[in-house]
């Protein structure tokens, strides 16, 4: 259910966005496959690029992967509120997603994601030292060992809100969608 005076036509905008997010993980050319993830810290916000690994439109849940030793894991554990930003250059669409993140290290979701992951991607979690460690030179590709699985963490983000911005030469448009227990609240915003 969409509510609100002069509500955006959620009949086409929202389904289009959800469909593009659902397709993004399997489409290397998708502008929304790589997203900027922002977390909060005592020192201020932190941002980094992440790969969208899955999206469940029915549950409004994104799935990401990371090294369990990375800074983002501690930041999410301390404050699960996150924001993600994506840009689709072909459509001239910006998407800003806000939600609550949940860490998955030793559960069925993490096990399934690890099992489905190609060996080449598993190497990312096989380094002896955590991400961001100083090294004298770029290390050689690591060998996947059982320890690599212990370094893997899946992150799910349950969306609470999204904003869509269309940069159109004729007329920019912006809409906000809040996901409520009883439906969607849609509003037009000044771009």
Protein backbone atom coordinates (compact mmCIF):
# COMPACT_ATOMS: atom_id res chain seq x y z
CA UNK A 1 0.00 0.00 0.00
CA UNK A 2 1.32 3.43 -0.93
CA UNK A 3 0.28 6.40 1.16
CA UNK A 4 0.83 10.13 0.97
CA UNK A 5 -0.46 13.13 -0.91
CA UNK A 6 1.05 13.40 -4.38
CA UNK A 7 2.79 10.07 -3.83
CA UNK A 8 5.25 8.95 -6.50
CA UNK A 9 3.90 6.38 -8.88
CA UNK A 10 5.22 3.43 -6.88
CA UNK A 11 3.44 1.28 -9.43
CA UNK A 12 6.42 1.64 -11.77
CA UNK A 13 9.32 3.32 -9.91
CA UNK A 14 9.55 0.99 -6.93
CA UNK A 15 9.15 -2.28 -8.89
CA UNK A 16 11.76 -1.06 -11.40
CA UNK A 17 14.25 -0.28 -8.61
CA UNK A 18 13.63 -3.60 -6.86
CA UNK A 19 14.03 -5.48 -10.15
CA UNK A 20 17.31 -3.74 -10.92
CA UNK A 21 18.64 -4.50 -7.43
CA UNK A 22 17.62 -8.14 -7.82
CA UNK A 23 19.45 -8.41 -11.16
CA UNK A 24 22.55 -6.43 -10.10
CA UNK A 25 24.53 -9.25 -8.39
CA UNK A 26 24.62 -11.30 -11.62
CA UNK A 27 25.28 -8.34 -13.93
CA UNK A 28 28.88 -7.05 -13.90
CA UNK A 29 27.72 -4.03 -15.93
CA UNK A 30 25.04 -3.02 -13.45
CA UNK A 31 25.63 0.33 -11.81
CA UNK A 32 24.21 -1.06 -8.59
CA UNK A 33 26.41 -4.14 -8.32
CA UNK A 34 29.10 -2.03 -6.64
CA UNK A 35 27.72 0.12 -3.84
CA UNK A 36 29.26 2.50 -1.33
CA UNK A 37 28.63 1.25 2.21
CA UNK A 38 28.72 3.85 4.99
CA UNK A 39 28.99 3.02 8.68
CA UNK A 40 29.34 5.23 11.72
CA UNK A 41 32.28 5.31 14.14
CA UNK A 42 33.24 7.45 17.12
CA UNK A 43 35.71 9.21 14.79
CA UNK A 44 33.03 9.87 12.16
CA UNK A 45 31.54 8.12 9.14
CA UNK A 46 33.48 5.53 7.12
CA UNK A 47 32.78 4.54 3.51
CA UNK A 48 33.95 1.74 1.26
CA UNK A 49 32.91 -0.04 -1.92
CA UNK A 50 31.15 -3.38 -1.53
CA UNK A 51 29.79 -5.89 -4.00
CA UNK A 52 26.09 -6.63 -3.87
CA UNK A 53 25.93 -10.44 -3.69
CA UNK A 54 22.19 -10.88 -3.43
CA UNK A 55 18.88 -9.09 -3.01
CA UNK A 56 15.57 -10.49 -1.80
CA UNK A 57 12.85 -8.05 -2.95
CA UNK A 58 10.18 -9.77 -0.84
CA UNK A 59 12.22 -9.39 2.34
CA UNK A 60 13.82 -6.10 1.20
CA UNK A 61 17.18 -7.59 2.18
CA UNK A 62 20.58 -7.05 0.58
CA UNK A 63 23.46 -9.50 1.01
CA UNK A 64 27.13 -8.48 1.06
CA UNK A 65 30.35 -10.35 1.87
CA UNK A 66 33.40 -9.20 3.80
CA UNK A 67 36.39 -10.34 5.79
CA UNK A 68 35.30 -10.86 9.39
CA UNK A 69 38.49 -9.12 10.52
CA UNK A 70 37.69 -5.89 8.64
CA UNK A 71 36.81 -2.67 10.39
CA UNK A 72 33.27 -2.66 9.03
CA UNK A 73 32.40 -5.76 11.06
CA UNK A 74 33.20 -4.04 14.37
CA UNK A 75 31.47 -0.86 13.23
CA UNK A 76 28.29 -2.75 12.34
CA UNK A 77 28.42 -4.72 15.59
CA UNK A 78 28.56 -1.41 17.48
CA UNK A 79 25.83 0.30 15.40
CA UNK A 80 23.91 -1.74 12.81
CA UNK A 81 22.47 1.32 11.03
CA UNK A 82 24.07 1.58 7.59
CA UNK A 83 23.61 3.48 4.37
CA UNK A 84 24.45 2.36 0.84
CA UNK A 85 24.79 4.50 -2.27
CA UNK A 86 24.69 3.43 -5.90
CA UNK A 87 24.82 5.14 -9.29
CA UNK A 88 23.40 3.79 -12.55
CA UNK A 89 25.06 5.94 -15.21
CA UNK A 90 23.02 4.51 -18.08
CA UNK A 91 19.74 5.56 -16.45
CA UNK A 92 21.18 8.57 -14.62
CA UNK A 93 19.68 7.15 -11.42
CA UNK A 94 21.13 7.46 -7.95
CA UNK A 95 19.86 5.13 -5.24
CA UNK A 96 20.40 5.72 -1.53
CA UNK A 97 19.48 2.81 0.72
CA UNK A 98 19.21 2.87 4.51
CA UNK A 99 18.68 -0.06 6.82
CA UNK A 100 19.91 -2.25 9.62
CA UNK A 101 22.76 -4.65 9.04
CA UNK A 102 23.20 -8.08 10.57
CA UNK A 103 26.44 -10.05 10.66
CA UNK A 104 26.49 -13.74 9.72
CA UNK A 105 29.64 -15.70 10.54
CA UNK A 106 28.68 -19.11 11.85
CA UNK A 107 25.17 -19.69 10.61
CA UNK A 108 23.41 -21.36 7.70
CA UNK A 109 23.36 -18.17 5.61
CA UNK A 110 27.16 -17.76 5.90
CA UNK A 111 27.72 -21.48 5.23
CA UNK A 112 25.52 -21.36 2.11
CA UNK A 113 27.23 -18.19 0.81
CA UNK A 114 30.68 -19.72 1.39
CA UNK A 115 29.76 -22.99 -0.32
CA UNK A 116 28.33 -21.16 -3.35
CA UNK A 117 31.38 -18.89 -3.70
CA UNK A 118 33.94 -19.66 -6.44
CA UNK A 119 37.46 -20.54 -5.24
CA UNK A 120 38.85 -17.35 -6.76
CA UNK A 121 36.66 -15.25 -4.47
CA UNK A 122 37.52 -17.40 -1.46
CA UNK A 123 41.15 -16.30 -1.79
CA UNK A 124 40.09 -12.86 -0.55
CA UNK A 125 39.57 -14.38 2.90
CA UNK A 126 42.75 -16.50 2.98
CA UNK A 127 45.29 -13.85 3.94
CA UNK A 128 47.14 -14.39 7.21
CA UNK A 129 46.84 -10.76 8.25
CA UNK A 130 43.58 -8.78 8.41
CA UNK A 131 42.58 -6.26 5.75
CA UNK A 132 44.41 -2.95 6.08
CA UNK A 133 47.57 -4.49 7.55
CA UNK A 134 50.79 -2.83 6.38
CA UNK A 135 53.04 -5.01 4.21
CA UNK A 136 56.39 -4.21 2.53
CA UNK A 137 55.11 -5.20 -0.93
CA UNK A 138 51.92 -6.55 -2.48
CA UNK A 139 51.62 -10.17 -1.32
CA UNK A 140 51.22 -13.08 -3.72
CA UNK A 141 47.74 -14.57 -4.12
CA UNK A 142 46.94 -16.52 -0.95
CA UNK A 143 46.12 -20.21 -0.91
CA UNK A 144 42.65 -21.10 0.35
CA UNK A 145 42.90 -23.04 3.62
CA UNK A 146 40.25 -24.01 6.20
CA UNK A 147 41.14 -20.79 8.06
CA UNK A 148 39.75 -18.78 5.12
CA UNK A 149 36.19 -19.84 6.03
CA UNK A 150 36.71 -18.55 9.59
CA UNK A 151 37.63 -15.15 8.11
CA UNK A 152 34.42 -14.93 6.05
CA UNK A 153 31.39 -12.91 7.09
CA UNK A 154 28.13 -12.33 5.23
CA UNK A 155 26.21 -9.15 5.94
CA UNK A 156 22.49 -8.74 5.39
CA UNK A 157 20.88 -5.33 5.32
CA UNK A 158 17.13 -5.07 5.88
CA UNK A 159 15.99 -1.92 4.10
CA UNK A 160 14.00 0.66 6.05
CA UNK A 161 14.10 3.42 3.45
CA UNK A 162 15.34 4.22 -0.03
CA UNK A 163 15.66 7.40 -2.03
CA UNK A 164 15.69 7.48 -5.83
CA UNK A 165 17.06 10.41 -7.79
CA UNK A 166 16.72 10.69 -11.57
CA UNK A 167 18.98 13.30 -13.14
CA UNK A 168 17.02 14.11 -16.27
CA UNK A 169 18.08 17.04 -18.51
CA UNK A 170 14.43 18.12 -18.70
CA UNK A 171 13.46 17.67 -15.05
CA UNK A 172 15.24 16.03 -12.13
CA UNK A 173 12.99 13.84 -9.98
CA UNK A 174 13.48 12.45 -6.49
CA UNK A 175 11.33 10.13 -4.41
CA UNK A 176 11.59 8.52 -0.99
CA UNK A 177 10.14 5.13 -0.10
CA UNK A 178 9.82 4.15 3.56
CA UNK A 179 9.14 0.49 4.22
CA UNK A 180 6.65 0.15 7.04
CA UNK A 181 5.14 -2.95 8.57
CA UNK A 182 1.86 -2.26 6.76
CA UNK A 183 3.25 -1.18 3.40
CA UNK A 184 5.23 1.54 1.68
CA UNK A 185 5.07 5.26 2.34
CA UNK A 186 6.06 7.05 -0.88
CA UNK A 187 6.80 10.79 -1.16
CA UNK A 188 8.10 13.10 -3.85
CA UNK A 189 11.04 15.24 -2.71
CA UNK A 190 12.68 18.32 -4.14
CA UNK A 191 15.74 17.03 -6.05
